[in-house]
Amino acid sequence: MDKQRHPTLQPANLAPFNYCPRTKLVFGPGSVAGVGELARELGARRVLLVTDSGIVRAGHAGRVREFLEAAGLTAAGFEGVEENPTTRCVQRCVEVARQHEVDAFVGLGGGSSMDTAKGCNFILTNGGEMKDYWGIGKATHPMLPLIAIPTTGGTGSECQSFALIADEQTHQKMACGDPKAAARIAILDPALTVSQPARVTACSGIDAIAHALETAVTRRRNPVSQIFSREAFRLTCAGLPVVLKTPGDLEARGQMLVGAAWGGTAIENSMLGAAHAAANPLTARFGIVHGHAVGLMLPHVVRFNAQESGVADIYADLARLAGLASSTETPEISAELLAQHLERLMELAGLTRSLAGLGVGMGDLALLAEGAAAQWTAQFNPRTVVASDFKELYMAAFGAGSTES
């Protein structure tokens, strides 16, 4: 054998991982029509449909309820989901679930609907308060089956075992995770995402891209997470410009929906990093929509992380995958091209790129930085990031070029 032409393959240096798929995925236009039969497969008889008023107005909640009832199930509704759900919102959902003695959940909407359903499931089946489940694996009793039906291509919550619930008093976001909380089934129907407002499409789509990029480089990245991160980025980077320009394009909507699901799967196996850590205080203190806040900080975090050579290599690979860079460019240049593309996507989405343009003052940055450094996801960032680093990141974003939304 010609060793010049057939070099010996070297064994890969694989990071340890523990991968167990928990969620059955059903994808395709019109697939939501099967929700009743899928619920029956899980043994459901009395289902609580957890959603928000916007989804009700769009007609999606009514259709899902009809599909459930046509399969012989009793369907009650909780329509009080709030953006960034709080412990009070979850408690109201619990009261409705107890009243109707439900044995299954359907979370219909964005990540907030699915988080509320998961939070309700924790308390209904295990008792106590949400703070009792802050962390991982603190539910000691079985939980009811959940079917997740996303109407946005963004959070990937349908493929995660975490509920993100804000404390009503402190506004601290609590990540409550347990394998038992993961959806048993996720229905990915791109037709449901066409009705979402343009701003929701933009913010959720930017969030999905951020999930792909952050999970690709965290300290916990592994062979499983990187497969999902890479495919999530490929789909969402191609799909987002199309859905922003042509909202009715079902193929692009499907790309965003599946890409978001793969991003959620990557989060489950890899976690997130500094962009999400920096975004959370912006949402808590200034009410900036989560996806907008993440997208605003992400280019600056990419530049910060790219100073680590191994991370720059990963960014370069993703930039080449998306056609943003060629193999002739150095990893550092490729990472910068990636950061610039993220800024262009923000502009295409019509989202303000500067903190100053969103009402944040220079005097707020130190307190924001302290809050960001205390976020759980900060510890998973590939490059160590402390309060002083977050302040530099906020300063970089403070006067960045902006397009008013």
Protein backbone atom coordinates (compact mmCIF):
# COMPACT_ATOMS: atom_id res chain seq x y z
CA MET A 1 0.00 0.00 0.00
CA ASP A 2 1.19 3.47 -0.87
CA LYS A 3 1.52 5.15 2.54
CA GLN A 4 1.85 8.53 0.84
CA ARG A 5 -1.64 8.18 -0.66
CA HIS A 6 -3.18 6.24 2.21
CA PRO A 7 -1.90 7.77 5.44
CA THR A 8 -2.63 5.95 8.66
CA LEU A 9 -5.63 7.45 10.43
CA GLN A 10 -4.84 8.66 13.91
CA PRO A 11 -7.31 7.96 16.74
CA ALA A 12 -9.42 10.99 17.61
CA ASN A 13 -9.08 12.59 21.03
CA LEU A 14 -12.75 12.29 22.05
CA ALA A 15 -14.16 14.04 25.11
CA PRO A 16 -16.35 11.88 27.37
CA PHE A 17 -20.10 12.11 26.83
CA ASN A 18 -23.36 10.54 27.99
CA TYR A 19 -26.05 10.73 25.32
CA CYS A 20 -29.57 9.37 25.75
CA PRO A 21 -32.29 10.75 23.42
CA ARG A 22 -35.43 11.38 25.47
CA THR A 23 -37.65 13.11 22.94
CA LYS A 24 -39.35 11.65 19.88
CA LEU A 25 -39.33 14.21 17.05
CA VAL A 26 -42.17 14.44 14.53
CA PHE A 27 -41.48 16.89 11.69
CA GLY A 28 -43.46 18.12 8.70
CA PRO A 29 -46.08 20.63 7.56
CA GLY A 30 -49.42 19.63 9.05
CA SER A 31 -47.86 17.22 11.54
CA VAL A 32 -49.66 18.95 14.44
CA ALA A 33 -52.84 17.16 13.31
CA GLY A 34 -51.45 13.98 14.86
CA VAL A 35 -51.17 15.40 18.39
CA GLY A 36 -54.27 13.56 19.62
CA GLU A 37 -53.09 10.12 18.57
CA LEU A 38 -49.59 10.83 19.87
CA ALA A 39 -51.04 11.82 23.25
CA ARG A 40 -53.06 8.61 23.32
CA GLU A 41 -49.85 6.66 22.72
CA LEU A 42 -48.53 8.19 25.94
CA GLY A 43 -51.60 7.01 27.84
CA ALA A 44 -53.07 10.50 28.22
CA ARG A 45 -56.76 11.02 28.99
CA ARG A 46 -56.97 14.53 30.47
CA VAL A 47 -54.55 16.97 28.88
CA LEU A 48 -53.63 20.50 29.94
CA LEU A 49 -52.86 22.69 26.94
CA VAL A 50 -50.37 25.34 28.13
CA THR A 51 -50.12 28.37 25.84
CA ASP A 52 -50.39 32.16 25.62
CA SER A 53 -53.00 34.62 24.44
CA GLY A 54 -51.20 35.33 21.15
CA ILE A 55 -51.29 31.66 20.19
CA VAL A 56 -54.99 31.60 21.06
CA ARG A 57 -55.64 34.63 18.82
CA ALA A 58 -53.70 33.00 15.98
CA GLY A 59 -56.11 30.04 16.16
CA HIS A 60 -53.42 27.45 16.90
CA ALA A 61 -54.68 26.63 20.40
CA GLY A 62 -58.20 26.01 19.16
CA ARG A 63 -56.99 23.65 16.44
CA VAL A 64 -54.78 21.69 18.81
CA ARG A 65 -57.67 21.37 21.25
CA GLU A 66 -59.89 20.05 18.44
CA PHE A 67 -57.26 17.47 17.49
CA LEU A 68 -57.00 16.31 21.10
CA GLU A 69 -60.75 16.06 21.55
CA ALA A 70 -61.19 14.26 18.22
CA ALA A 71 -58.91 11.55 19.63
CA GLY A 72 -61.25 11.13 22.58
CA LEU A 73 -59.22 13.15 25.10
CA THR A 74 -60.40 15.83 27.50
CA ALA A 75 -58.50 19.06 26.90
CA ALA A 76 -58.33 21.84 29.49
CA GLY A 77 -56.46 25.07 28.81
CA PHE A 78 -54.08 27.40 30.61
CA GLU A 79 -53.67 30.47 28.42
CA GLY A 80 -51.85 32.73 30.87
CA VAL A 81 -48.25 32.07 29.83
CA GLU A 82 -46.06 35.18 30.09
CA GLU A 83 -42.81 35.99 28.34
CA ASN A 84 -39.98 34.99 30.70
CA PRO A 85 -42.40 33.07 32.98
CA THR A 86 -42.21 33.68 36.70
CA THR A 87 -42.94 31.52 39.73
CA ARG A 88 -46.34 33.21 40.00
CA CYS A 89 -47.21 32.26 36.41
CA VAL A 90 -46.22 28.65 37.11
CA GLN A 91 -48.29 28.57 40.29
CA ARG A 92 -51.39 29.74 38.40
CA CYS A 93 -50.82 26.96 35.89
CA VAL A 94 -50.52 24.44 38.73
CA GLU A 95 -53.90 25.53 40.11
CA VAL A 96 -55.58 24.87 36.74
CA ALA A 97 -53.80 21.51 36.38
CA ARG A 98 -54.99 20.40 39.82
CA GLN A 99 -58.53 21.58 39.18
CA HIS A 100 -58.78 19.41 36.05
CA GLU A 101 -56.77 16.47 37.46
CA VAL A 102 -54.67 16.29 34.30
CA ASP A 103 -52.41 13.37 33.42
CA ALA A 104 -50.43 14.96 30.57
CA PHE A 105 -49.29 18.34 29.23
CA VAL A 106 -49.10 19.91 25.80
CA GLY A 107 -46.86 23.00 25.67
CA LEU A 108 -47.80 25.08 22.62
CA GLY A 109 -45.92 28.26 21.70
CA GLY A 110 -42.43 29.60 22.28
CA GLY A 111 -39.98 28.60 24.97
CA SER A 112 -42.08 30.34 27.62
CA SER A 113 -45.02 27.99 27.06
CA MET A 114 -42.81 24.93 27.28
CA ASP A 115 -40.98 26.28 30.34
CA THR A 116 -44.29 26.97 32.08
CA ALA A 117 -45.54 23.46 31.31
CA LYS A 118 -42.32 21.94 32.63
CA GLY A 119 -42.38 24.12 35.74
CA CYS A 120 -45.98 23.16 36.42
CA ASN A 121 -45.06 19.50 35.95
CA PHE A 122 -42.32 19.74 38.60
CA ILE A 123 -44.63 21.14 41.27
CA LEU A 124 -47.72 19.11 40.36
CA THR A 125 -45.86 15.80 40.58
CA ASN A 126 -43.16 16.52 43.16
CA GLY A 127 -44.62 19.32 45.30
CA GLY A 128 -42.77 22.25 46.83
CA GLU A 129 -41.68 25.41 44.98
CA MET A 130 -39.68 26.08 41.84
CA LYS A 131 -36.59 27.01 43.86
CA ASP A 132 -36.53 23.44 45.17
CA TYR A 133 -35.64 22.26 41.65
CA TRP A 134 -33.04 24.90 40.82
CA GLY A 135 -30.15 22.86 39.50
CA ILE A 136 -30.14 19.37 38.00
CA GLY A 137 -31.92 16.15 38.92
CA LYS A 138 -33.81 17.27 42.02
CA ALA A 139 -37.19 15.72 41.18
CA THR A 140 -37.57 12.51 43.18
CA HIS A 141 -40.92 11.33 41.75
CA PRO A 142 -41.99 10.51 38.17
CA MET A 143 -43.38 13.38 36.10
CA LEU A 144 -46.31 13.48 33.67
CA PRO A 145 -45.71 13.14 29.92
CA LEU A 146 -45.23 16.36 27.96
CA ILE A 147 -45.76 16.98 24.25
CA ALA A 148 -43.96 20.13 23.09
CA ILE A 149 -45.18 22.00 20.01
CA PRO A 150 -42.99 25.03 19.21
CA THR A 151 -44.51 27.85 17.18
CA THR A 152 -41.18 29.70 16.92
CA GLY A 153 -37.87 28.51 15.48
CA GLY A 154 -35.70 29.62 18.35
CA THR A 155 -35.39 28.30 21.89
CA GLY A 156 -35.07 24.56 21.24
CA SER A 157 -36.83 24.08 24.59
CA GLU A 158 -38.70 21.13 23.05
CA CYS A 159 -35.43 19.19 23.13
CA GLN A 160 -34.26 20.26 26.59
CA SER A 161 -34.96 18.98 30.09
CA PHE A 162 -34.69 22.45 31.66
CA ALA A 163 -37.38 24.92 32.68
CA LEU A 164 -36.17 28.53 32.94
CA ILE A 165 -38.34 30.23 35.54
CA ALA A 166 -37.77 33.68 37.07
CA ASP A 167 -38.24 34.20 40.79
CA GLU A 168 -41.17 36.58 41.18
CA GLN A 169 -39.40 38.59 43.90
CA THR A 170 -35.73 38.62 42.92
CA HIS A 171 -36.16 38.24 39.11
CA GLN A 172 -33.34 35.68 39.23
CA LYS A 173 -33.72 33.15 36.42
CA MET A 174 -33.65 29.63 37.80
CA ALA A 175 -32.60 26.79 35.50
CA CYS A 176 -34.49 23.77 36.80
CA GLY A 177 -33.38 20.64 34.98
CA ASP A 178 -34.24 16.98 35.27
CA PRO A 179 -34.31 14.20 32.65
CA LYS A 180 -37.89 13.45 33.71
CA ALA A 181 -38.94 16.98 32.67
CA ALA A 182 -37.96 16.52 29.01
CA ALA A 183 -40.77 16.33 26.47
CA ARG A 184 -41.62 12.78 25.46
CA ILE A 185 -42.62 14.01 22.01
CA ALA A 186 -41.90 17.21 20.08
CA ILE A 187 -44.04 18.10 17.06
CA LEU A 188 -42.18 20.34 14.60
CA ASP A 189 -44.77 21.77 12.22
CA PRO A 190 -43.33 24.68 10.20
CA ALA A 191 -46.82 25.86 9.22
CA LEU A 192 -47.37 26.93 12.84
CA THR A 193 -44.46 29.37 12.70
CA VAL A 194 -45.69 31.40 9.70
CA SER A 195 -48.13 33.46 11.79
CA GLN A 196 -45.54 34.74 14.26
CA PRO A 197 -44.83 38.50 14.15
CA ALA A 198 -41.72 39.61 12.25
CA ARG A 199 -39.97 40.71 15.44
CA VAL A 200 -40.56 37.31 17.05
CA THR A 201 -39.18 35.61 13.94
CA ALA A 202 -36.08 37.83 14.16
CA CYS A 203 -35.42 37.48 17.89
CA SER A 204 -36.10 33.75 18.05
CA GLY A 205 -34.03 33.11 14.93
CA ILE A 206 -31.04 35.04 16.27
CA ASP A 207 -31.38 33.07 19.51
CA ALA A 208 -31.28 29.78 17.58
CA ILE A 209 -28.07 30.81 15.80
CA ALA A 210 -26.57 31.81 19.16
CA HIS A 211 -27.39 28.38 20.57
CA ALA A 212 -25.55 26.71 17.71
CA LEU A 213 -22.48 28.91 18.09
CA GLU A 214 -22.26 28.85 21.88
CA THR A 215 -22.75 25.10 22.22
CA ALA A 216 -20.07 24.52 19.58
CA VAL A 217 -17.33 25.97 21.78
CA THR A 218 -18.25 25.50 25.47
CA ARG A 219 -15.99 23.72 27.90
CA ARG A 220 -18.49 20.85 27.90
CA ARG A 221 -18.52 20.38 24.13
CA ASN A 222 -18.18 16.76 23.06
CA PRO A 223 -18.55 14.63 19.91
CA VAL A 224 -22.34 14.44 20.29
CA SER A 225 -22.96 18.11 20.97
CA GLN A 226 -20.69 19.20 18.12
CA ILE A 227 -22.65 17.15 15.58
CA PHE A 228 -25.86 18.92 16.61
CA SER A 229 -24.21 22.36 16.94
CA ARG A 230 -22.78 22.17 13.45
CA GLU A 231 -26.04 21.08 11.82
CA ALA A 232 -28.01 23.63 13.84
CA PHE A 233 -25.74 26.41 12.58
CA ARG A 234 -25.87 25.20 8.97
CA LEU A 235 -29.68 25.20 8.95
CA THR A 236 -30.34 28.39 10.89
CA CYS A 237 -27.65 30.49 9.21
CA ALA A 238 -29.14 29.61 5.82
CA GLY A 239 -32.77 29.80 6.91
CA LEU A 240 -32.95 33.04 8.88
CA PRO A 241 -32.28 35.52 6.02
CA VAL A 242 -34.94 33.77 3.95
CA VAL A 243 -37.69 33.84 6.60
CA LEU A 244 -36.90 37.49 7.34
CA LYS A 245 -37.37 38.40 3.67
CA THR A 246 -40.03 35.81 2.74
CA PRO A 247 -42.02 34.93 5.88
CA GLY A 248 -44.26 32.44 4.07
CA ASP A 249 -41.40 30.23 2.85
CA LEU A 250 -42.26 26.89 4.50
CA GLU A 251 -38.98 25.24 3.55
CA ALA A 252 -36.97 27.96 5.29
CA ARG A 253 -39.39 27.86 8.23
CA GLY A 254 -38.70 24.14 8.47
CA GLN A 255 -34.96 24.77 8.41
CA MET A 256 -35.31 27.16 11.34
CA LEU A 257 -37.54 24.81 13.30
CA VAL A 258 -35.31 21.76 12.88
CA GLY A 259 -32.18 23.86 13.39
CA ALA A 260 -33.60 25.21 16.64
CA ALA A 261 -34.39 21.66 17.79
CA TRP A 262 -30.84 20.55 17.03
CA GLY A 263 -29.59 23.61 18.90
CA GLY A 264 -31.69 22.61 21.90
CA THR A 265 -30.25 19.10 21.71
CA ALA A 266 -26.76 20.61 21.64
CA ILE A 267 -27.56 22.69 24.73
CA GLU A 268 -28.67 19.55 26.51
CA ASN A 269 -25.27 17.99 25.81
CA SER A 270 -22.98 21.04 25.93
CA MET A 271 -24.61 24.04 27.72
CA LEU A 272 -24.22 27.72 26.76
CA GLY A 273 -21.66 30.44 27.36
CA ALA A 274 -20.90 34.13 27.85
CA ALA A 275 -23.37 35.57 25.33
CA HIS A 276 -26.29 34.12 27.26
CA ALA A 277 -24.71 35.08 30.58
CA ALA A 278 -24.40 38.68 29.35
CA ALA A 279 -27.92 38.71 27.91
CA ASN A 280 -29.81 37.65 31.03
CA PRO A 281 -29.12 40.81 33.10
CA LEU A 282 -30.12 42.93 30.09
CA THR A 283 -33.47 41.18 30.01
CA ALA A 284 -33.95 41.28 33.78
CA ARG A 285 -32.99 44.95 34.27
CA PHE A 286 -34.01 46.60 31.00
CA GLY A 287 -36.66 44.28 29.60
CA ILE A 288 -34.70 43.66 26.39
CA VAL A 289 -36.14 40.62 24.62
CA HIS A 290 -33.92 37.61 25.23
CA GLY A 291 -33.07 36.84 21.60
CA HIS A 292 -32.32 40.51 20.91
CA ALA A 293 -30.03 40.72 23.96
CA VAL A 294 -28.17 37.54 23.00
CA GLY A 295 -27.75 38.64 19.40
CA LEU A 296 -26.44 42.03 20.47
CA MET A 297 -23.74 40.48 22.66
CA LEU A 298 -22.84 37.48 20.49
CA PRO A 299 -20.43 39.11 17.98
CA HIS A 300 -18.40 40.59 20.83
CA VAL A 301 -18.28 37.23 22.63
CA VAL A 302 -17.14 35.53 19.42
CA ARG A 303 -14.26 38.01 19.16
CA PHE A 304 -13.42 37.51 22.84
CA ASN A 305 -13.44 33.70 22.60
CA ALA A 306 -11.55 33.63 19.30
CA GLN A 307 -8.44 34.74 21.14
CA GLU A 308 -8.17 31.08 22.18
CA SER A 309 -6.65 29.28 19.18
CA GLY A 310 -8.67 26.08 19.54
CA VAL A 311 -11.90 28.07 19.71
CA ALA A 312 -10.91 30.15 16.68
CA ASP A 313 -10.50 26.88 14.78
CA ILE A 314 -14.08 25.87 15.56
CA TYR A 315 -15.44 29.27 14.56
CA ALA A 316 -13.42 29.07 11.34
CA ASP A 317 -14.90 25.67 10.53
CA LEU A 318 -18.42 27.04 11.01
CA ALA A 319 -17.64 30.16 8.98
CA ARG A 320 -16.44 27.98 6.10
CA LEU A 321 -19.52 25.76 6.45
CA ALA A 322 -21.74 28.82 5.98
CA GLY A 323 -19.69 30.14 3.05
CA LEU A 324 -18.48 33.14 5.05
CA ALA A 325 -14.78 32.27 4.82
CA SER A 326 -12.48 30.16 2.69
CA SER A 327 -9.80 27.67 3.64
CA THR A 328 -7.13 30.24 2.72
CA GLU A 329 -8.11 32.58 5.58
CA THR A 330 -6.56 32.15 9.00
CA PRO A 331 -8.84 30.97 11.83
CA GLU A 332 -8.62 34.43 13.40
CA ILE A 333 -9.75 36.19 10.21
CA SER A 334 -12.48 33.59 9.69
CA ALA A 335 -13.76 34.18 13.22
CA GLU A 336 -13.88 37.92 12.56
CA LEU A 337 -15.82 37.32 9.34
CA LEU A 338 -18.25 35.24 11.38
CA ALA A 339 -18.68 38.05 13.92
CA GLN A 340 -19.28 40.55 11.11
CA HIS A 341 -21.92 38.27 9.60
CA LEU A 342 -23.74 38.11 12.94
CA GLU A 343 -23.81 41.91 12.95
CA ARG A 344 -25.24 41.94 9.44
CA LEU A 345 -27.97 39.51 10.50
CA MET A 346 -28.93 41.86 13.33
CA GLU A 347 -29.17 44.70 10.82
CA LEU A 348 -31.21 42.57 8.41
CA ALA A 349 -33.55 41.76 11.30
CA GLY A 350 -33.89 45.47 12.14
CA LEU A 351 -32.60 44.95 15.67
CA THR A 352 -30.70 47.68 17.50
CA ARG A 353 -27.04 46.70 17.93
CA SER A 354 -25.98 49.19 20.61
CA LEU A 355 -26.73 49.14 24.32
CA ALA A 356 -26.95 52.92 24.28
CA GLY A 357 -29.69 52.70 21.67
CA LEU A 358 -31.69 50.50 24.05
CA GLY A 359 -31.54 52.90 26.98
CA VAL A 360 -28.61 51.35 28.84
CA GLY A 361 -26.34 53.94 30.44
CA MET A 362 -22.58 53.75 30.79
CA GLY A 363 -23.09 53.85 34.55
CA ASP A 364 -25.11 50.61 34.35
CA LEU A 365 -22.29 48.51 32.92
CA ALA A 366 -20.49 47.63 36.15
CA LEU A 367 -23.67 46.29 37.79
CA LEU A 368 -24.61 44.43 34.62
CA ALA A 369 -21.14 42.87 34.55
CA GLU A 370 -21.48 41.64 38.12
CA GLY A 371 -24.80 40.08 37.24
CA ALA A 372 -23.41 38.42 34.12
CA ALA A 373 -20.46 36.94 35.97
CA ALA A 374 -22.88 35.33 38.42
CA GLN A 375 -24.87 33.59 35.66
CA TRP A 376 -24.65 29.82 35.54
CA THR A 377 -23.73 29.68 31.85
CA ALA A 378 -20.66 31.87 32.34
CA GLN A 379 -18.75 28.94 33.81
CA PHE A 380 -19.11 26.95 30.58
CA ASN A 381 -17.63 29.62 28.32
CA PRO A 382 -14.47 28.25 26.65
CA ARG A 383 -12.41 31.23 27.76
CA THR A 384 -12.54 32.18 31.43
CA VAL A 385 -14.76 35.23 31.79
CA VAL A 386 -15.06 37.34 34.94
CA ALA A 387 -16.84 40.59 35.80
CA SER A 388 -14.10 42.80 34.35
CA ASP A 389 -14.29 40.87 31.07
CA PHE A 390 -18.06 41.27 30.96
CA LYS A 391 -17.66 44.99 31.48
CA GLU A 392 -15.33 45.13 28.46
CA LEU A 393 -17.87 43.15 26.43
CA TYR A 394 -20.66 45.54 27.43
CA MET A 395 -18.45 48.51 26.58
CA ALA A 396 -17.80 47.03 23.12
CA ALA A 397 -21.56 46.70 22.64
CA PHE A 398 -22.39 50.07 24.13
CA GLY A 399 -21.69 52.22 21.10
CA ALA A 400 -21.80 49.56 18.37
CA GLY A 401 -23.42 50.48 15.07
CA SER A 402 -27.20 50.17 15.31
CA THR A 403 -30.34 49.91 13.29
CA GLU A 404 -33.37 51.04 15.19
CA SER A 405 -36.05 48.40 15.52
